[in-house]
């Protein structure tokens, strides 16, 4: 699967998401794109957007997009707080369908 890390996610998380092909918004020079524009651009080339933007599900109607979204709700957005969520992310993306949202929380 092709995964895209949003600006709110440390780029170094990509090395923990193997065997998937992972890019970041920064790698694509999509920094600063508003959520709707980002989802429109990302859905053409990526299967999953991984974000920590808690407002995204309230700002966008995700079922209209072809991309799946994983919302990471870690203690913080620091790499060391997100790494423990990776195994749950890898499990969840396998069962997600286009336009669906999965929330992966440190509380789970």
N, C-alpha and C. Protein backbone atom coordinates (compact mmCIF):
# COMPACT_ATOMS: atom_id res chain seq x y z
N UNK A 1 0.84 -1.18 0.00
CA UNK A 1 0.00 0.00 0.00
C UNK A 1 0.88 1.24 0.00
N UNK A 2 0.34 2.29 -0.55
CA UNK A 2 1.04 3.58 -0.54
C UNK A 2 0.44 4.43 0.58
N UNK A 3 1.30 4.86 1.50
CA UNK A 3 0.88 5.63 2.66
C UNK A 3 1.47 7.04 2.57
N UNK A 4 0.69 8.02 3.03
CA UNK A 4 1.14 9.41 3.08
C UNK A 4 1.04 9.90 4.51
N UNK A 5 2.15 10.42 5.03
CA UNK A 5 2.17 11.00 6.37
C UNK A 5 1.86 12.48 6.28
N UNK A 6 0.89 12.92 7.02
CA UNK A 6 0.51 14.33 7.07
C UNK A 6 1.61 15.14 7.78
N UNK A 7 1.51 16.45 7.68
CA UNK A 7 2.48 17.34 8.32
C UNK A 7 2.57 17.13 9.83
N UNK A 8 1.49 16.69 10.42
CA UNK A 8 1.44 16.52 11.88
C UNK A 8 2.15 15.26 12.38
N UNK A 9 2.65 14.46 11.46
CA UNK A 9 3.31 13.19 11.80
C UNK A 9 4.80 13.30 11.48
N UNK A 10 5.67 12.91 12.42
CA UNK A 10 7.11 12.95 12.13
C UNK A 10 7.46 12.05 10.95
N UNK A 11 8.27 12.56 10.04
CA UNK A 11 8.65 11.79 8.85
C UNK A 11 9.39 10.50 9.19
N UNK A 12 10.08 10.49 10.30
CA UNK A 12 10.84 9.29 10.69
C UNK A 12 9.92 8.11 11.03
N UNK A 13 8.62 8.35 11.19
CA UNK A 13 7.70 7.23 11.44
C UNK A 13 7.66 6.29 10.23
N UNK A 14 7.98 6.81 9.06
CA UNK A 14 7.93 6.01 7.83
C UNK A 14 8.75 4.73 7.94
N UNK A 15 9.89 4.79 8.58
CA UNK A 15 10.75 3.60 8.67
C UNK A 15 10.14 2.49 9.53
N UNK A 16 9.11 2.82 10.28
CA UNK A 16 8.44 1.83 11.13
C UNK A 16 7.20 1.23 10.45
N UNK A 17 6.88 1.71 9.26
CA UNK A 17 5.66 1.28 8.57
C UNK A 17 5.96 0.31 7.42
N UNK A 18 7.04 -0.41 7.51
CA UNK A 18 7.37 -1.39 6.48
C UNK A 18 6.36 -2.53 6.53
N UNK A 19 6.05 -3.12 5.44
CA UNK A 19 6.66 -3.08 4.12
C UNK A 19 6.02 -2.08 3.17
N UNK A 20 5.27 -1.15 3.68
CA UNK A 20 4.53 -0.23 2.82
C UNK A 20 5.43 0.86 2.25
N UNK A 21 4.98 1.43 1.14
CA UNK A 21 5.67 2.54 0.48
C UNK A 21 5.14 3.82 1.13
N UNK A 22 6.02 4.56 1.81
CA UNK A 22 5.58 5.70 2.61
C UNK A 22 6.28 6.98 2.16
N UNK A 23 5.49 8.03 1.95
CA UNK A 23 5.98 9.37 1.68
C UNK A 23 5.39 10.30 2.73
N UNK A 24 5.93 11.49 2.81
CA UNK A 24 5.35 12.50 3.69
C UNK A 24 4.84 13.66 2.84
N UNK A 25 3.97 14.43 3.42
CA UNK A 25 3.48 15.65 2.76
C UNK A 25 4.67 16.53 2.39
N UNK A 26 5.65 16.58 3.27
CA UNK A 26 6.85 17.39 3.01
C UNK A 26 7.61 16.85 1.79
N UNK A 27 7.74 15.53 1.68
CA UNK A 27 8.43 14.92 0.53
C UNK A 27 7.78 15.35 -0.79
N UNK A 28 6.48 15.50 -0.75
CA UNK A 28 5.72 15.85 -1.96
C UNK A 28 5.61 17.36 -2.18
N UNK A 29 6.15 18.14 -1.27
CA UNK A 29 6.04 19.61 -1.31
C UNK A 29 4.58 20.04 -1.22
N UNK A 30 3.80 19.30 -0.43
CA UNK A 30 2.40 19.62 -0.21
C UNK A 30 2.19 20.29 1.15
N UNK A 31 3.28 20.76 1.75
CA UNK A 31 3.18 21.46 3.04
C UNK A 31 2.21 22.62 2.90
N UNK A 32 1.37 22.81 3.88
CA UNK A 32 0.47 23.96 3.90
C UNK A 32 -0.82 23.77 3.12
N UNK A 33 -0.99 22.66 2.41
CA UNK A 33 -2.26 22.44 1.71
C UNK A 33 -3.38 22.29 2.73
N UNK A 34 -4.49 22.90 2.47
CA UNK A 34 -5.66 22.74 3.33
C UNK A 34 -6.15 21.30 3.19
N UNK A 35 -6.89 20.84 4.19
CA UNK A 35 -7.31 19.43 4.23
C UNK A 35 -8.01 18.94 2.98
N UNK A 36 -8.96 19.70 2.46
CA UNK A 36 -9.69 19.28 1.26
C UNK A 36 -8.76 19.13 0.07
N UNK A 37 -7.88 20.11 -0.12
CA UNK A 37 -6.94 20.05 -1.24
C UNK A 37 -5.95 18.90 -1.05
N UNK A 38 -5.53 18.68 0.16
CA UNK A 38 -4.61 17.57 0.44
C UNK A 38 -5.27 16.24 0.14
N UNK A 39 -6.48 16.04 0.59
CA UNK A 39 -7.19 14.78 0.34
C UNK A 39 -7.42 14.58 -1.16
N UNK A 40 -7.77 15.64 -1.88
CA UNK A 40 -7.96 15.54 -3.33
C UNK A 40 -6.67 15.13 -4.03
N UNK A 41 -5.57 15.73 -3.64
CA UNK A 41 -4.27 15.41 -4.25
C UNK A 41 -3.83 14.00 -3.87
N UNK A 42 -3.96 13.68 -2.60
CA UNK A 42 -3.46 12.40 -2.09
C UNK A 42 -4.23 11.20 -2.63
N UNK A 43 -5.54 11.33 -2.81
CA UNK A 43 -6.33 10.17 -3.21
C UNK A 43 -5.97 9.65 -4.60
N UNK A 44 -5.30 10.46 -5.39
CA UNK A 44 -4.90 10.04 -6.73
C UNK A 44 -3.75 9.03 -6.68
N UNK A 45 -2.85 9.20 -5.69
CA UNK A 45 -1.63 8.39 -5.66
C UNK A 45 -1.46 7.51 -4.42
N UNK A 46 -2.27 7.74 -3.40
CA UNK A 46 -2.06 7.05 -2.12
C UNK A 46 -3.32 6.29 -1.70
N UNK A 47 -3.10 5.25 -0.91
CA UNK A 47 -4.19 4.46 -0.37
C UNK A 47 -4.64 4.98 0.99
N UNK A 48 -3.68 5.48 1.79
CA UNK A 48 -3.95 5.85 3.17
C UNK A 48 -3.24 7.16 3.51
N UNK A 49 -3.96 8.05 4.17
CA UNK A 49 -3.37 9.25 4.77
C UNK A 49 -3.32 9.01 6.27
N UNK A 50 -2.13 9.18 6.85
CA UNK A 50 -1.96 9.05 8.29
C UNK A 50 -1.77 10.45 8.85
N UNK A 51 -2.62 10.83 9.79
CA UNK A 51 -2.60 12.19 10.32
C UNK A 51 -2.80 12.17 11.84
N UNK A 52 -2.49 13.28 12.45
CA UNK A 52 -2.81 13.47 13.87
C UNK A 52 -3.75 14.66 14.01
N UNK A 53 -4.28 15.14 12.90
CA UNK A 53 -5.18 16.29 12.88
C UNK A 53 -6.56 15.87 13.39
N UNK A 54 -6.82 16.16 14.65
CA UNK A 54 -8.08 15.78 15.29
C UNK A 54 -9.31 16.43 14.64
N UNK A 55 -9.10 17.55 13.94
CA UNK A 55 -10.22 18.27 13.33
C UNK A 55 -10.60 17.75 11.95
N UNK A 56 -9.73 16.99 11.32
CA UNK A 56 -9.97 16.54 9.95
C UNK A 56 -11.34 15.88 9.76
N UNK A 57 -11.74 14.93 10.61
CA UNK A 57 -13.06 14.30 10.40
C UNK A 57 -14.23 15.26 10.53
N UNK A 58 -14.06 16.35 11.27
CA UNK A 58 -15.13 17.33 11.41
C UNK A 58 -15.14 18.34 10.28
N UNK A 59 -14.01 18.52 9.62
CA UNK A 59 -13.89 19.53 8.57
C UNK A 59 -14.17 18.97 7.18
N UNK A 60 -14.01 17.67 7.01
CA UNK A 60 -14.17 17.06 5.69
C UNK A 60 -15.12 15.87 5.77
N UNK A 61 -15.91 15.71 4.73
CA UNK A 61 -16.79 14.54 4.62
C UNK A 61 -15.97 13.44 3.95
N UNK A 62 -15.34 12.61 4.76
CA UNK A 62 -14.37 11.63 4.26
C UNK A 62 -14.93 10.60 3.28
N UNK A 63 -16.20 10.18 3.39
CA UNK A 63 -16.69 9.20 2.42
C UNK A 63 -16.67 9.67 0.97
N UNK A 64 -16.52 10.96 0.73
CA UNK A 64 -16.47 11.42 -0.66
C UNK A 64 -15.09 11.24 -1.30
N UNK A 65 -14.11 10.86 -0.49
CA UNK A 65 -12.75 10.67 -0.99
C UNK A 65 -12.44 9.19 -1.15
N UNK A 66 -11.54 8.86 -2.08
CA UNK A 66 -11.15 7.47 -2.32
C UNK A 66 -10.07 7.00 -1.36
N UNK A 67 -9.48 7.92 -0.64
CA UNK A 67 -8.38 7.58 0.26
C UNK A 67 -8.92 7.17 1.63
N UNK A 68 -8.22 6.28 2.28
CA UNK A 68 -8.54 5.90 3.66
C UNK A 68 -7.76 6.84 4.58
N UNK A 69 -8.26 7.08 5.78
CA UNK A 69 -7.59 7.98 6.71
C UNK A 69 -7.42 7.28 8.06
N UNK A 70 -6.19 7.35 8.58
CA UNK A 70 -5.91 6.87 9.92
C UNK A 70 -5.54 8.08 10.76
N UNK A 71 -6.28 8.27 11.82
CA UNK A 71 -6.04 9.37 12.76
C UNK A 71 -5.31 8.81 13.96
N UNK A 72 -4.07 9.26 14.17
CA UNK A 72 -3.29 8.82 15.32
C UNK A 72 -3.55 9.75 16.48
N UNK A 73 -3.97 9.18 17.57
CA UNK A 73 -4.23 9.94 18.79
C UNK A 73 -3.25 9.47 19.86
N UNK A 74 -2.01 9.90 19.72
CA UNK A 74 -0.98 9.54 20.68
C UNK A 74 -1.00 10.49 21.87
N UNK A 75 -0.21 10.18 22.87
CA UNK A 75 -0.08 11.08 24.01
C UNK A 75 0.40 12.45 23.51
N UNK A 76 1.37 12.42 22.57
CA UNK A 76 1.82 13.61 21.84
C UNK A 76 2.04 13.17 20.40
N UNK A 77 2.48 14.07 19.56
CA UNK A 77 2.81 13.74 18.17
C UNK A 77 4.29 13.43 18.01
N UNK A 78 5.00 13.28 19.11
CA UNK A 78 6.43 12.95 19.03
C UNK A 78 6.58 11.50 18.60
N UNK A 79 7.67 11.25 17.89
CA UNK A 79 7.92 9.91 17.35
C UNK A 79 7.84 8.84 18.42
N UNK A 80 8.45 9.07 19.56
CA UNK A 80 8.47 8.03 20.61
C UNK A 80 7.08 7.73 21.16
N UNK A 81 6.14 8.65 21.03
CA UNK A 81 4.77 8.40 21.47
C UNK A 81 3.92 7.75 20.38
N UNK A 82 4.36 7.85 19.12
CA UNK A 82 3.60 7.27 18.01
C UNK A 82 4.05 5.85 17.65
N UNK A 83 5.31 5.53 17.89
CA UNK A 83 5.82 4.20 17.56
C UNK A 83 4.99 3.08 18.19
N UNK A 84 4.55 3.20 19.45
CA UNK A 84 3.73 2.12 20.02
C UNK A 84 2.38 1.91 19.31
N UNK A 85 1.97 2.85 18.49
CA UNK A 85 0.70 2.73 17.77
C UNK A 85 0.84 2.04 16.42
N UNK A 86 2.07 1.84 15.97
CA UNK A 86 2.32 1.34 14.61
C UNK A 86 1.68 -0.02 14.37
N UNK A 87 1.80 -0.96 15.28
CA UNK A 87 1.22 -2.28 15.03
C UNK A 87 -0.29 -2.20 14.83
N UNK A 88 -0.95 -1.34 15.59
CA UNK A 88 -2.40 -1.16 15.42
C UNK A 88 -2.70 -0.49 14.08
N UNK A 89 -1.87 0.46 13.67
CA UNK A 89 -2.06 1.11 12.37
C UNK A 89 -1.95 0.07 11.26
N UNK A 90 -0.93 -0.76 11.31
CA UNK A 90 -0.72 -1.76 10.26
C UNK A 90 -1.88 -2.75 10.19
N UNK A 91 -2.45 -3.10 11.31
CA UNK A 91 -3.63 -3.99 11.31
C UNK A 91 -4.85 -3.27 10.73
N UNK A 92 -5.07 -2.04 11.16
CA UNK A 92 -6.27 -1.30 10.76
C UNK A 92 -6.30 -0.97 9.27
N UNK A 93 -5.17 -0.62 8.69
CA UNK A 93 -5.20 -0.22 7.27
C UNK A 93 -5.58 -1.38 6.37
N UNK A 94 -5.34 -2.59 6.81
CA UNK A 94 -5.70 -3.75 5.99
C UNK A 94 -7.21 -3.92 5.85
N UNK A 95 -7.96 -3.47 6.81
CA UNK A 95 -9.42 -3.66 6.77
C UNK A 95 -10.20 -2.40 6.39
N UNK A 96 -9.51 -1.29 6.24
CA UNK A 96 -10.19 -0.04 5.89
C UNK A 96 -10.61 -0.04 4.43
N UNK A 97 -11.73 0.61 4.16
CA UNK A 97 -12.21 0.80 2.79
C UNK A 97 -12.05 2.27 2.42
N UNK A 98 -12.15 2.54 1.13
CA UNK A 98 -12.06 3.92 0.65
C UNK A 98 -13.05 4.81 1.39
N UNK A 99 -12.58 5.99 1.79
CA UNK A 99 -13.44 6.96 2.46
C UNK A 99 -13.67 6.70 3.94
N UNK A 100 -13.06 5.66 4.48
CA UNK A 100 -13.24 5.34 5.90
C UNK A 100 -12.14 5.96 6.75
N UNK A 101 -12.51 6.17 8.00
CA UNK A 101 -11.60 6.70 9.01
C UNK A 101 -11.40 5.67 10.11
N UNK A 102 -10.15 5.50 10.51
CA UNK A 102 -9.83 4.68 11.67
C UNK A 102 -9.08 5.55 12.65
N UNK A 103 -9.46 5.50 13.91
CA UNK A 103 -8.76 6.23 14.95
C UNK A 103 -7.95 5.23 15.75
N UNK A 104 -6.66 5.47 15.83
CA UNK A 104 -5.77 4.61 16.60
C UNK A 104 -5.25 5.45 17.75
N UNK A 105 -5.60 5.05 18.96
CA UNK A 105 -5.31 5.85 20.15
C UNK A 105 -4.38 5.12 21.10
N UNK A 106 -3.63 5.84 21.85
CA UNK A 106 -2.77 5.27 22.87
C UNK A 106 -3.61 4.62 23.97
N UNK A 107 -4.88 4.96 24.05
CA UNK A 107 -5.77 4.40 25.08
C UNK A 107 -6.28 3.01 24.72
N UNK A 108 -6.15 2.64 23.45
CA UNK A 108 -6.67 1.33 22.99
C UNK A 108 -5.82 0.19 23.47
